[in-house]
């Protein structure tokens, strides 16, 4: 059994990534978009934790079109 050198492993990994990007563009694109959305959502949650809470009754009034 032959052991693979670190350089050979790196080369195989690079070739696999290139092949994946070329053949599975939609899957890679979807994964990147999903990661970006998750990142944005986590930032929004963190920002929301810093702001003041709004009374639920006020939110319902706005949703119903009242002021």
Foldseek 3Di string as FASTA:
>chain_A
DDDDDPVRVVVVVVVVVVVCCVPVVVVVVVVVVVVVVVVVVVVVVVVVVVDDDDDPVVVVCVVVPHD
